[in-house]
């Protein structure tokens, strides 16, 4: 009999692709606000008791940095209290839980990355702060918990799948609109092809509970990544016309939120670096301009 997997944030970029990939592997209940309001504890309990999942993947969150900074109470209610309700419901039905956290818990750190799981996170945005608080509270509720701190995921539009801003599609969209884009050279992030994570999700259920950094390593600045994307789709000769280096953004405090993936690699879960994964994504979609 197939294991039962309950998803929150089911209409989002990650979970729609996850559902499509594993619809014949797991018995999946994909929920979003219309089916499950995670801020309502009773509703969460009822949904979990009805479905009785073996695994829960909690991806629902308010992830917009600006929105969270401007609406801290809403962000806390969804990102912290909502996560607590999901964890309490999971515990009530003896379900194991994956909590999707973020590299943004390190966006206030002044030392350079890549950061390890043992490093102390210092978030300086409401989004990062709420995700870190949720991590801590969930560990008090559940023993059978995997906290996965994601790097920034990217991918391309697909039929019946959600989309969210990401470096690959944002770069290509600007090109298609004929816009010149200004990109900072003072930011370093791990950038991960969404399917490099999705394809390895079943392996997560086999590793010890704990906190793991998930995603690709990357030594390129955000500007250099955008430059690479244009080169790989056949626009190398037009890079100077399509791309402008932003030297001012993060000039005083270069942003480095990269994560070390060495811990997860010891369990046989590996990721290509950002440069190679971008090439892989574009090859899979056979995209050239």
Protein backbone atom coordinates (compact mmCIF):
# COMPACT_ATOMS: atom_id res chain seq x y z
CA UNK A 1 0.00 0.00 0.00
CA UNK A 2 1.28 3.47 -0.89
CA UNK A 3 2.45 5.73 1.91
CA UNK A 4 0.29 8.79 2.48
CA UNK A 5 1.89 12.21 2.01
CA UNK A 6 0.17 15.45 3.00
CA UNK A 7 1.45 18.68 1.52
CA UNK A 8 0.79 22.23 2.66
CA UNK A 9 1.40 25.07 0.23
CA UNK A 10 0.21 22.62 -2.41
CA UNK A 11 -0.48 25.22 -5.11
CA UNK A 12 3.03 26.64 -4.97
CA UNK A 13 6.08 26.37 -7.20
CA UNK A 14 7.64 23.45 -5.32
CA UNK A 15 4.64 21.37 -4.33
CA UNK A 16 2.84 21.38 -7.68
CA UNK A 17 5.95 19.87 -9.27
CA UNK A 18 6.39 17.47 -6.37
CA UNK A 19 2.80 16.24 -6.76
CA UNK A 20 3.22 15.76 -10.50
CA UNK A 21 6.41 13.76 -9.97
CA UNK A 22 5.13 11.43 -7.22
CA UNK A 23 1.40 11.13 -7.97
CA UNK A 24 1.85 7.40 -8.63
CA UNK A 25 4.39 6.82 -5.84
CA UNK A 26 2.54 8.25 -2.85
CA UNK A 27 -1.11 8.75 -1.96
CA UNK A 28 -0.90 12.55 -1.92
CA UNK A 29 -3.24 15.06 -0.33
CA UNK A 30 -2.12 18.46 -1.63
CA UNK A 31 -3.62 21.28 0.41
CA UNK A 32 -3.59 25.04 0.14
CA UNK A 33 -5.69 27.75 1.77
CA UNK A 34 -9.05 26.65 0.22
CA UNK A 35 -8.61 23.12 1.63
CA UNK A 36 -6.64 23.83 4.80
CA UNK A 37 -6.14 27.10 6.63
CA UNK A 38 -3.07 26.30 8.71
CA UNK A 39 -3.76 29.27 11.00
CA UNK A 40 -6.87 27.39 12.18
CA UNK A 41 -5.65 24.68 14.58
CA UNK A 42 -8.96 22.81 14.68
CA UNK A 43 -9.12 22.68 10.90
CA UNK A 44 -5.58 21.30 10.76
CA UNK A 45 -6.40 18.62 13.32
CA UNK A 46 -9.54 17.58 11.43
CA UNK A 47 -7.72 17.34 8.08
CA UNK A 48 -4.94 15.22 9.54
CA UNK A 49 -7.29 12.87 11.38
CA UNK A 50 -9.31 12.35 8.20
CA UNK A 51 -6.32 11.67 5.91
CA UNK A 52 -3.98 10.06 8.44
CA UNK A 53 -0.72 10.84 6.60
CA UNK A 54 2.49 8.89 7.11
CA UNK A 55 4.51 11.94 6.06
CA UNK A 56 3.85 15.66 6.05
CA UNK A 57 5.76 18.18 3.96
CA UNK A 58 5.06 21.65 5.28
CA UNK A 59 5.86 24.22 2.59
CA UNK A 60 3.10 26.77 3.23
CA UNK A 61 4.51 30.18 4.17
CA UNK A 62 4.49 33.85 3.38
CA UNK A 63 7.89 34.17 1.70
CA UNK A 64 7.86 37.73 0.33
CA UNK A 65 10.50 39.67 2.25
CA UNK A 66 8.82 43.04 1.72
CA UNK A 67 5.36 41.75 2.65
CA UNK A 68 6.66 40.14 5.83
CA UNK A 69 8.57 43.27 6.84
CA UNK A 70 5.44 45.38 6.30
CA UNK A 71 3.04 42.87 7.88
CA UNK A 72 4.91 41.17 10.75
CA UNK A 73 1.78 39.97 12.55
CA UNK A 74 0.43 38.22 9.45
CA UNK A 75 3.86 36.72 8.78
CA UNK A 76 4.11 35.42 12.34
CA UNK A 77 0.59 34.01 12.30
CA UNK A 78 1.25 32.00 9.12
CA UNK A 79 4.95 31.20 9.32
CA UNK A 80 5.15 30.43 13.04
CA UNK A 81 1.71 29.69 14.47
CA UNK A 82 0.59 27.94 11.28
CA UNK A 83 3.68 25.75 11.33
CA UNK A 84 3.01 24.90 14.99
CA UNK A 85 -0.54 23.82 14.16
CA UNK A 86 0.73 21.56 11.38
CA UNK A 87 3.34 20.02 13.67
CA UNK A 88 0.80 19.44 16.45
CA UNK A 89 -1.58 17.78 13.98
CA UNK A 90 1.26 15.62 12.65
CA UNK A 91 2.13 14.53 16.17
CA UNK A 92 -1.51 13.68 16.88
CA UNK A 93 -1.58 11.13 14.02
CA UNK A 94 2.05 9.95 14.44
CA UNK A 95 3.15 11.42 11.10
CA UNK A 96 6.76 12.24 10.29
CA UNK A 97 7.32 15.82 9.10
CA UNK A 98 9.53 17.74 6.71
CA UNK A 99 9.61 21.46 7.44
CA UNK A 100 10.82 23.66 4.60
CA UNK A 101 12.97 26.46 5.96
CA UNK A 102 15.30 28.85 4.18
CA UNK A 103 18.79 30.20 3.66
CA UNK A 104 17.31 33.53 4.73
CA UNK A 105 17.90 32.65 8.38
CA UNK A 106 21.51 33.68 7.64
CA UNK A 107 20.83 36.95 5.81
CA UNK A 108 21.98 39.07 8.74
CA UNK A 109 25.25 37.21 9.30
CA UNK A 110 28.34 39.28 8.55
CA UNK A 111 30.81 36.44 8.14
CA UNK A 112 31.00 34.93 4.63
CA UNK A 113 29.26 31.67 3.68
CA UNK A 114 28.79 28.91 2.88
CA UNK A 115 27.12 28.34 6.25
CA UNK A 116 26.98 24.99 7.97
CA UNK A 117 24.13 23.67 10.07
CA UNK A 118 26.22 24.32 13.20
CA UNK A 119 26.68 28.02 12.41
CA UNK A 120 24.55 30.47 14.37
CA UNK A 121 21.91 32.12 12.12
CA UNK A 122 21.26 35.85 12.50
CA UNK A 123 18.24 36.77 10.33
CA UNK A 124 17.67 40.48 9.74
CA UNK A 125 14.27 40.27 8.02
CA UNK A 126 10.89 39.30 9.43
CA UNK A 127 10.70 36.40 6.98
CA UNK A 128 14.02 34.95 8.14
CA UNK A 129 13.16 35.60 11.78
CA UNK A 130 9.80 33.83 11.57
CA UNK A 131 11.26 30.81 9.80
CA UNK A 132 13.99 30.47 12.42
CA UNK A 133 11.46 30.82 15.24
CA UNK A 134 9.30 28.15 13.60
CA UNK A 135 12.29 25.80 13.37
CA UNK A 136 12.89 26.15 17.11
CA UNK A 137 9.25 25.69 18.10
CA UNK A 138 8.76 22.65 15.85
CA UNK A 139 11.76 20.89 17.39
CA UNK A 140 10.00 21.22 20.77
CA UNK A 141 6.82 19.64 19.36
CA UNK A 142 8.13 16.81 17.18
CA UNK A 143 10.99 14.35 17.47
CA UNK A 144 10.35 12.88 14.01
CA UNK A 145 11.23 16.08 12.15
CA UNK A 146 13.49 17.01 9.25
CA UNK A 147 14.21 20.75 8.91
CA UNK A 148 15.38 21.45 5.36
CA UNK A 149 16.87 24.88 4.74
CA UNK A 150 16.47 25.49 1.02
CA UNK A 151 18.57 27.71 -1.19
CA UNK A 152 16.73 29.77 -3.83
CA UNK A 153 15.00 27.32 -6.19
CA UNK A 154 14.60 28.04 -9.88
CA UNK A 155 12.83 26.51 -12.83
CA UNK A 156 10.68 27.29 -15.85
CA UNK A 157 6.89 27.48 -16.35
CA UNK A 158 5.06 24.19 -16.75
CA UNK A 159 1.46 23.29 -17.43
CA UNK A 160 -0.71 23.24 -14.28
CA UNK A 161 2.27 24.12 -12.06
CA UNK A 162 2.70 27.16 -9.86
CA UNK A 163 5.38 29.75 -10.53
CA UNK A 164 7.33 32.09 -8.30
CA UNK A 165 10.06 34.66 -8.96
CA UNK A 166 13.38 32.96 -9.63
CA UNK A 167 16.63 34.01 -11.25
CA UNK A 168 16.27 31.89 -14.39
CA UNK A 169 12.73 32.85 -15.34
CA UNK A 170 13.14 36.48 -14.23
CA UNK A 171 16.20 36.84 -16.48
CA UNK A 172 14.50 35.24 -19.49
CA UNK A 173 11.28 37.20 -18.94
CA UNK A 174 13.17 40.48 -19.07
CA UNK A 175 14.81 39.41 -22.33
CA UNK A 176 11.45 38.49 -23.85
CA UNK A 177 10.08 41.91 -22.85
CA UNK A 178 13.09 43.67 -24.35
CA UNK A 179 14.11 45.08 -20.97
CA UNK A 180 17.65 45.69 -19.82
CA UNK A 181 18.10 44.30 -16.33
CA UNK A 182 20.31 45.64 -13.56
CA UNK A 183 21.76 42.91 -11.36
CA UNK A 184 23.93 43.18 -8.27
CA UNK A 185 27.45 41.80 -8.25
CA UNK A 186 27.53 41.94 -4.44
CA UNK A 187 25.20 39.04 -3.71
CA UNK A 188 26.08 35.35 -3.47
CA UNK A 189 23.43 32.66 -3.07
CA UNK A 190 23.05 28.99 -3.70
CA UNK A 191 20.72 28.64 -6.69
CA UNK A 192 19.18 25.21 -7.14
CA UNK A 193 17.21 23.59 -9.96
CA UNK A 194 13.88 22.61 -8.41
CA UNK A 195 13.98 19.05 -9.78
CA UNK A 196 17.41 18.45 -8.26
CA UNK A 197 15.59 18.68 -4.93
CA UNK A 198 12.31 16.99 -5.89
CA UNK A 199 14.00 13.95 -7.40
CA UNK A 200 15.68 13.23 -4.04
CA UNK A 201 12.80 13.81 -1.63
CA UNK A 202 12.22 10.06 -0.99
CA UNK A 203 15.82 9.83 0.24
CA UNK A 204 15.03 12.37 2.97
CA UNK A 205 12.63 9.89 4.58
CA UNK A 206 15.56 7.48 5.05
CA UNK A 207 18.05 9.76 6.80
CA UNK A 208 18.27 10.65 10.52
CA UNK A 209 15.99 13.41 11.80
CA UNK A 210 17.63 16.80 12.09
CA UNK A 211 18.47 20.02 10.27
CA UNK A 212 19.99 19.91 6.78
CA UNK A 213 21.10 22.46 4.21
CA UNK A 214 19.66 21.59 0.82
CA UNK A 215 20.80 22.75 -2.60
CA UNK A 216 23.62 23.66 -4.93
CA UNK A 217 26.93 25.25 -4.09
CA UNK A 218 27.69 28.42 -6.02
CA UNK A 219 30.77 30.64 -6.25
CA UNK A 220 29.29 33.04 -8.82
CA UNK A 221 27.74 36.40 -7.98
CA UNK A 222 24.13 37.00 -8.93
CA UNK A 223 25.34 39.13 -11.85
CA UNK A 224 27.61 36.36 -13.09
CA UNK A 225 24.76 33.85 -12.87
CA UNK A 226 22.54 36.10 -15.01
CA UNK A 227 25.40 36.44 -17.46
CA UNK A 228 25.77 32.64 -17.59
CA UNK A 229 22.05 32.21 -18.29
CA UNK A 230 22.19 34.59 -21.25
CA UNK A 231 25.24 32.81 -22.61
CA UNK A 232 23.64 29.37 -22.29
CA UNK A 233 20.49 30.38 -24.20
CA UNK A 234 22.53 31.77 -27.08
CA UNK A 235 22.63 35.48 -26.24
CA UNK A 236 26.31 35.85 -25.38
CA UNK A 237 26.88 38.55 -28.00
CA UNK A 238 24.03 40.65 -26.57
CA UNK A 239 24.98 40.45 -22.89
CA UNK A 240 26.21 44.07 -22.75
CA UNK A 241 22.89 45.25 -24.22
CA UNK A 242 20.72 43.13 -21.94
CA UNK A 243 22.56 43.18 -18.62
CA UNK A 244 23.91 45.95 -16.41
CA UNK A 245 26.05 45.39 -13.34
CA UNK A 246 24.69 47.00 -10.18
CA UNK A 247 27.69 48.00 -8.05
CA UNK A 248 25.69 49.91 -5.43
CA UNK A 249 23.26 47.31 -4.08
CA UNK A 250 24.76 45.55 -1.04
CA UNK A 251 27.97 47.57 -1.56
CA UNK A 252 28.43 48.34 2.12
CA UNK A 253 27.44 44.84 3.26
CA UNK A 254 27.85 42.24 0.50
CA UNK A 255 25.11 39.64 0.83
CA UNK A 256 26.23 36.05 1.22
CA UNK A 257 23.53 33.52 2.14
CA UNK A 258 25.17 30.45 0.66
CA UNK A 259 24.72 27.13 2.43
CA UNK A 260 27.18 24.28 2.78
CA UNK A 261 25.65 20.99 1.62
CA UNK A 262 28.44 18.80 3.02
CA UNK A 263 26.28 17.28 5.78
CA UNK A 264 23.50 16.08 3.47
CA UNK A 265 26.09 14.69 1.03
CA UNK A 266 27.27 12.23 3.67
CA UNK A 267 23.86 10.53 3.34
CA UNK A 268 24.11 10.14 -0.43
CA UNK A 269 22.08 13.24 -1.31
CA UNK A 270 24.15 15.43 -3.61
CA UNK A 271 23.67 18.44 -5.83
CA UNK A 272 25.44 19.73 -8.92
CA UNK A 273 26.82 23.24 -8.52
CA UNK A 274 24.68 26.11 -9.76
CA UNK A 275 26.57 26.52 -13.03
CA UNK A 276 26.07 22.88 -14.05
CA UNK A 277 22.48 22.70 -12.84
CA UNK A 278 21.50 25.74 -14.95
CA UNK A 279 22.93 24.00 -17.98
CA UNK A 280 21.01 20.84 -17.07
CA UNK A 281 17.72 22.71 -16.69
CA UNK A 282 18.07 24.50 -20.03
CA UNK A 283 19.02 21.26 -21.76
CA UNK A 284 16.00 19.44 -20.30
CA UNK A 285 13.70 22.17 -21.61
CA UNK A 286 15.68 22.41 -24.87
CA UNK A 287 15.66 26.17 -24.53
CA UNK A 288 17.60 28.37 -26.93
CA UNK A 289 16.77 31.89 -28.07
